Amino acid sequence: MVSGKLAFANAVAAGALVLSFCTCAGAADLTRRPPPPLLQPIYTWNGFYVGGHLGGVISSETATDIFSGFTASPDPSGFLGGVQAGYNYQIAPNWLIGIEGELSWTSASGSSLGFNSDHNWYDTLDGRLGYVMGPWLLYAKGGAAWMNADYSVPGVSINVTRTGWNIGAGAEFMLAPQWSAKAEYNFLDFGKDNISGVGIDTQVHEFKVGVNYHFVPGTLFGRW
């Protein structure tokens, strides 16, 4: 009889122990939280940026003697490289406006029928309109353009700076919070100028890639 009571007491104690373990495990499950979702990076294009670029240039250029009508087509081509700086402002989650200045030095040169053309640099000042898609920025640009060139025939040489206009388009990708890479095409038109009795008509095509460093919004120098 005593042994029966002892066995019953042991069974009750074991049941209580199992019930206590299950209750604690259930409470632990209730207090456990699922892991937080991975945060997606937030891309912002706002603020100042500076950068550099490399590429190539081809041009369509004709030189016509105003008195004789004699025409040469040197069509300079070569490499270019330079710097750019600008400011972006996102006017909506997906739209951006900005301004950008760019200076490119070039080796573009050409010769035709004794007329030599050497382009030294191109300079542009543009407004930009962009469409933002996460880390991507697609944009169009346009504004004023300047170029400096040396024109020569045997025994005579002249250096001139000319004014024109330009349009362009490109794509830029945010590699890191403050670094981006871009690819861009620009068309520069300098029209026809009378230079010492020679009418020179010039259009330029630029193809380039580059990188930009974006300053932290609200600061002048950003985090280096």
Protein backbone atom coordinates (compact mmCIF):
# COMPACT_ATOMS: atom_id res chain seq x y z
CA MET A 1 0.00 0.00 0.00
CA VAL A 2 2.84 2.36 0.91
CA SER A 3 4.70 1.40 -2.25
CA GLY A 4 1.58 2.18 -4.33
CA LYS A 5 1.30 5.62 -2.80
CA LEU A 6 5.02 6.16 -3.44
CA ALA A 7 4.67 5.23 -7.10
CA PHE A 8 1.67 7.54 -7.48
CA ALA A 9 3.60 10.42 -5.85
CA ASN A 10 6.55 9.82 -8.18
CA ALA A 11 4.25 9.85 -11.22
CA VAL A 12 2.66 13.14 -10.12
CA ALA A 13 6.07 14.71 -9.52
CA ALA A 14 7.29 13.59 -12.96
CA GLY A 15 4.16 14.96 -14.63
CA ALA A 16 4.59 18.28 -12.85
CA LEU A 17 8.21 18.45 -13.97
CA VAL A 18 7.27 17.78 -17.62
CA LEU A 19 4.47 20.36 -17.44
CA SER A 20 6.83 22.92 -15.94
CA PHE A 21 9.39 22.35 -18.74
CA CYS A 22 6.74 22.69 -21.47
CA THR A 23 5.41 25.89 -19.89
CA CYS A 24 8.90 27.43 -19.75
CA ALA A 25 9.60 26.44 -23.36
CA GLY A 26 6.30 27.95 -24.48
CA ALA A 27 7.07 31.19 -22.63
CA ALA A 28 10.50 31.32 -24.26
CA ASP A 29 8.87 30.90 -27.70
CA LEU A 30 6.44 33.73 -26.92
CA THR A 31 9.26 36.12 -25.97
CA ARG A 32 11.41 35.23 -29.00
CA ARG A 33 11.19 37.84 -31.78
CA PRO A 34 11.81 37.23 -35.49
CA PRO A 35 15.05 38.75 -36.81
CA PRO A 36 14.63 42.29 -38.15
CA PRO A 37 14.40 42.59 -41.94
CA LEU A 38 17.56 43.58 -43.76
CA LEU A 39 17.66 47.32 -44.29
CA GLN A 40 17.83 48.41 -47.90
CA PRO A 41 20.39 51.15 -48.66
CA ILE A 42 18.93 54.62 -49.10
CA TYR A 43 20.38 56.38 -52.15
CA THR A 44 20.49 60.14 -52.29
CA TRP A 45 21.87 62.22 -55.13
CA ASN A 46 21.38 65.56 -53.36
CA GLY A 47 24.29 67.94 -52.94
CA PHE A 48 27.63 68.90 -54.44
CA TYR A 49 29.93 66.51 -56.29
CA VAL A 50 33.31 66.57 -58.05
CA GLY A 51 34.94 64.04 -60.32
CA GLY A 52 37.03 63.18 -63.35
CA HIS A 53 36.52 61.60 -66.76
CA LEU A 54 38.32 59.99 -69.72
CA GLY A 55 37.19 59.27 -73.24
CA GLY A 56 37.47 59.98 -76.92
CA VAL A 57 36.37 62.69 -79.34
CA ILE A 58 35.63 62.80 -83.05
CA SER A 59 34.57 65.90 -84.93
CA SER A 60 33.22 67.10 -88.23
CA GLU A 61 35.09 70.24 -89.29
CA THR A 62 35.39 72.11 -92.57
CA ALA A 63 37.54 75.13 -93.39
CA THR A 64 36.53 77.23 -96.42
CA ASP A 65 38.54 80.10 -97.86
CA ILE A 66 36.05 82.95 -98.12
CA PHE A 67 37.66 84.43 -101.25
CA SER A 68 38.50 81.34 -103.34
CA GLY A 69 35.96 78.87 -102.00
CA PHE A 70 38.71 76.30 -101.41
CA THR A 71 37.56 73.79 -98.76
CA ALA A 72 39.47 71.40 -96.49
CA SER A 73 38.06 68.90 -93.95
CA PRO A 74 40.58 68.18 -91.17
CA ASP A 75 37.99 66.45 -88.89
CA PRO A 76 40.12 66.33 -85.69
CA SER A 77 39.87 63.26 -83.45
CA GLY A 78 41.73 62.02 -80.37
CA PHE A 79 41.54 61.38 -76.64
CA LEU A 80 40.17 63.61 -73.90
CA GLY A 81 40.33 63.78 -70.15
CA GLY A 82 39.25 66.28 -67.55
CA VAL A 83 37.29 67.22 -64.48
CA GLN A 84 33.67 68.04 -63.62
CA ALA A 85 31.79 69.55 -60.69
CA GLY A 86 28.12 70.12 -60.05
CA TYR A 87 25.13 70.23 -57.74
CA ASN A 88 22.05 67.96 -57.69
CA TYR A 89 18.65 68.56 -56.11
CA GLN A 90 15.93 65.89 -56.02
CA ILE A 91 12.61 67.65 -56.59
CA ALA A 92 10.68 64.39 -56.14
CA PRO A 93 11.59 60.80 -55.20
CA ASN A 94 12.36 60.00 -58.84
CA TRP A 95 13.23 63.37 -60.38
CA LEU A 96 16.35 65.47 -60.13
CA ILE A 97 17.55 68.83 -61.43
CA GLY A 98 21.08 70.14 -61.33
CA ILE A 99 23.89 72.19 -62.81
CA GLU A 100 27.29 70.93 -63.97
CA GLY A 101 30.50 72.47 -65.25
CA GLU A 102 33.06 70.42 -67.14
CA LEU A 103 36.54 71.04 -68.56
CA SER A 104 38.18 68.53 -70.92
CA TRP A 105 41.67 68.68 -72.36
CA THR A 106 42.04 66.88 -75.68
CA SER A 107 44.60 65.60 -78.16
CA ALA A 108 42.12 65.90 -81.05
CA SER A 109 43.90 66.96 -84.24
CA GLY A 110 43.51 66.62 -87.97
CA SER A 111 44.97 67.83 -91.26
CA SER A 112 43.57 68.22 -94.78
CA LEU A 113 45.15 69.74 -97.90
CA GLY A 114 47.69 71.70 -95.86
CA PHE A 115 45.19 73.02 -93.30
CA ASN A 116 45.91 71.84 -89.74
CA SER A 117 43.46 71.87 -86.83
CA ASP A 118 44.46 71.11 -83.22
CA HIS A 119 41.76 71.24 -80.55
CA ASN A 120 43.17 72.02 -77.11
CA TRP A 121 40.20 71.95 -74.72
CA TYR A 122 36.41 71.94 -74.46
CA ASP A 123 34.45 73.58 -71.66
CA THR A 124 30.72 73.22 -70.91
CA LEU A 125 28.22 74.65 -68.44
CA ASP A 126 24.96 72.68 -68.40
CA GLY A 127 21.63 72.25 -66.71
CA ARG A 128 20.69 68.63 -65.97
CA LEU A 129 17.39 66.77 -65.67
CA GLY A 130 17.55 63.28 -64.24
CA TYR A 131 15.34 60.30 -63.41
CA VAL A 132 16.34 58.27 -60.32
CA MET A 133 15.81 54.51 -60.01
CA GLY A 134 17.45 53.39 -56.75
CA PRO A 135 21.21 53.37 -57.40
CA TRP A 136 20.70 54.43 -61.03
CA LEU A 137 20.44 57.95 -62.43
CA LEU A 138 19.50 58.53 -66.07
CA TYR A 139 19.93 62.12 -67.20
CA ALA A 140 19.92 64.60 -70.05
CA LYS A 141 21.94 67.82 -70.08
CA GLY A 142 22.42 70.89 -72.20
CA GLY A 143 23.84 74.40 -72.18
CA ALA A 144 26.76 76.53 -73.33
CA ALA A 145 30.06 75.27 -74.73
CA TRP A 146 33.50 76.72 -75.44
CA MET A 147 36.52 75.35 -77.26
CA ASN A 148 40.12 76.44 -77.81
CA ALA A 149 42.00 75.47 -80.97
CA ASP A 150 45.10 76.19 -83.03
CA TYR A 151 44.51 76.53 -86.79
CA SER A 152 47.41 76.75 -89.21
CA VAL A 153 48.57 76.63 -92.82
CA PRO A 154 52.25 76.64 -93.81
CA GLY A 155 53.80 79.79 -92.33
CA VAL A 156 50.65 81.05 -90.54
CA SER A 157 49.11 79.94 -87.21
CA ILE A 158 46.33 81.35 -85.03
CA ASN A 159 44.89 80.41 -81.64
CA VAL A 160 41.18 81.05 -81.02
CA THR A 161 38.53 80.38 -78.37
CA ARG A 162 35.07 79.76 -79.80
CA THR A 163 31.58 79.67 -78.27
CA GLY A 164 28.75 77.26 -79.02
CA TRP A 165 26.15 75.03 -77.40
CA ASN A 166 25.87 71.38 -76.38
CA ILE A 167 23.42 68.63 -75.49
CA GLY A 168 24.11 65.24 -73.95
CA ALA A 169 22.79 62.21 -72.11
CA GLY A 170 24.19 59.65 -69.73
CA ALA A 171 23.72 57.07 -67.01
CA GLU A 172 25.26 57.09 -63.53
CA PHE A 173 25.41 54.29 -60.93
CA MET A 174 25.94 54.75 -57.19
CA LEU A 175 28.80 52.39 -56.31
CA ALA A 176 28.82 53.38 -52.61
CA PRO A 177 27.05 56.04 -50.52
CA GLN A 178 29.43 58.76 -51.79
CA TRP A 179 30.89 57.34 -55.00
CA SER A 180 29.32 56.93 -58.44
CA ALA A 181 30.45 55.95 -61.94
CA LYS A 182 29.03 57.33 -65.19
CA ALA A 183 29.01 56.90 -68.96
CA GLU A 184 28.05 59.88 -71.14
CA TYR A 185 27.73 61.21 -74.69
CA ASN A 186 27.86 64.92 -75.60
CA PHE A 187 27.30 66.75 -78.88
CA LEU A 188 28.94 70.19 -79.13
CA ASP A 189 28.12 72.58 -81.98
CA PHE A 190 30.29 75.66 -82.57
CA GLY A 191 28.70 76.71 -85.85
CA LYS A 192 30.64 78.56 -88.52
CA ASP A 193 33.06 81.34 -87.57
CA ASN A 194 35.07 83.64 -89.85
CA ILE A 195 38.65 83.32 -88.63
CA SER A 196 41.14 85.47 -90.58
CA GLY A 197 39.28 85.02 -93.86
CA VAL A 198 38.57 81.30 -93.35
CA GLY A 199 35.09 80.05 -92.47
CA ILE A 200 35.47 77.20 -89.97
CA ASP A 201 32.44 75.05 -89.18
CA THR A 202 32.83 72.61 -86.26
CA GLN A 203 30.72 69.93 -84.57
CA VAL A 204 32.17 67.66 -81.87
CA HIS A 205 31.11 64.24 -80.50
CA GLU A 206 32.39 63.27 -77.03
CA PHE A 207 32.24 59.75 -75.58
CA LYS A 208 33.42 59.38 -71.98
CA VAL A 209 33.31 57.51 -68.69
CA GLY A 210 34.02 58.96 -65.28
CA VAL A 211 33.65 58.84 -61.50
CA ASN A 212 32.15 61.33 -59.04
CA TYR A 213 32.60 61.89 -55.31
CA HIS A 214 29.40 63.15 -53.64
CA PHE A 215 29.72 65.38 -50.59
CA VAL A 216 27.45 64.55 -47.65
CA PRO A 217 24.24 66.62 -48.04
CA GLY A 218 24.33 69.74 -45.90
CA THR A 219 28.11 69.91 -45.70
CA LEU A 220 30.74 71.61 -47.81
CA PHE A 221 33.53 69.05 -47.65
CA GLY A 222 31.75 65.81 -46.74
CA ARG A 223 33.38 62.79 -45.08
CA TRP A 224 36.75 61.76 -46.53
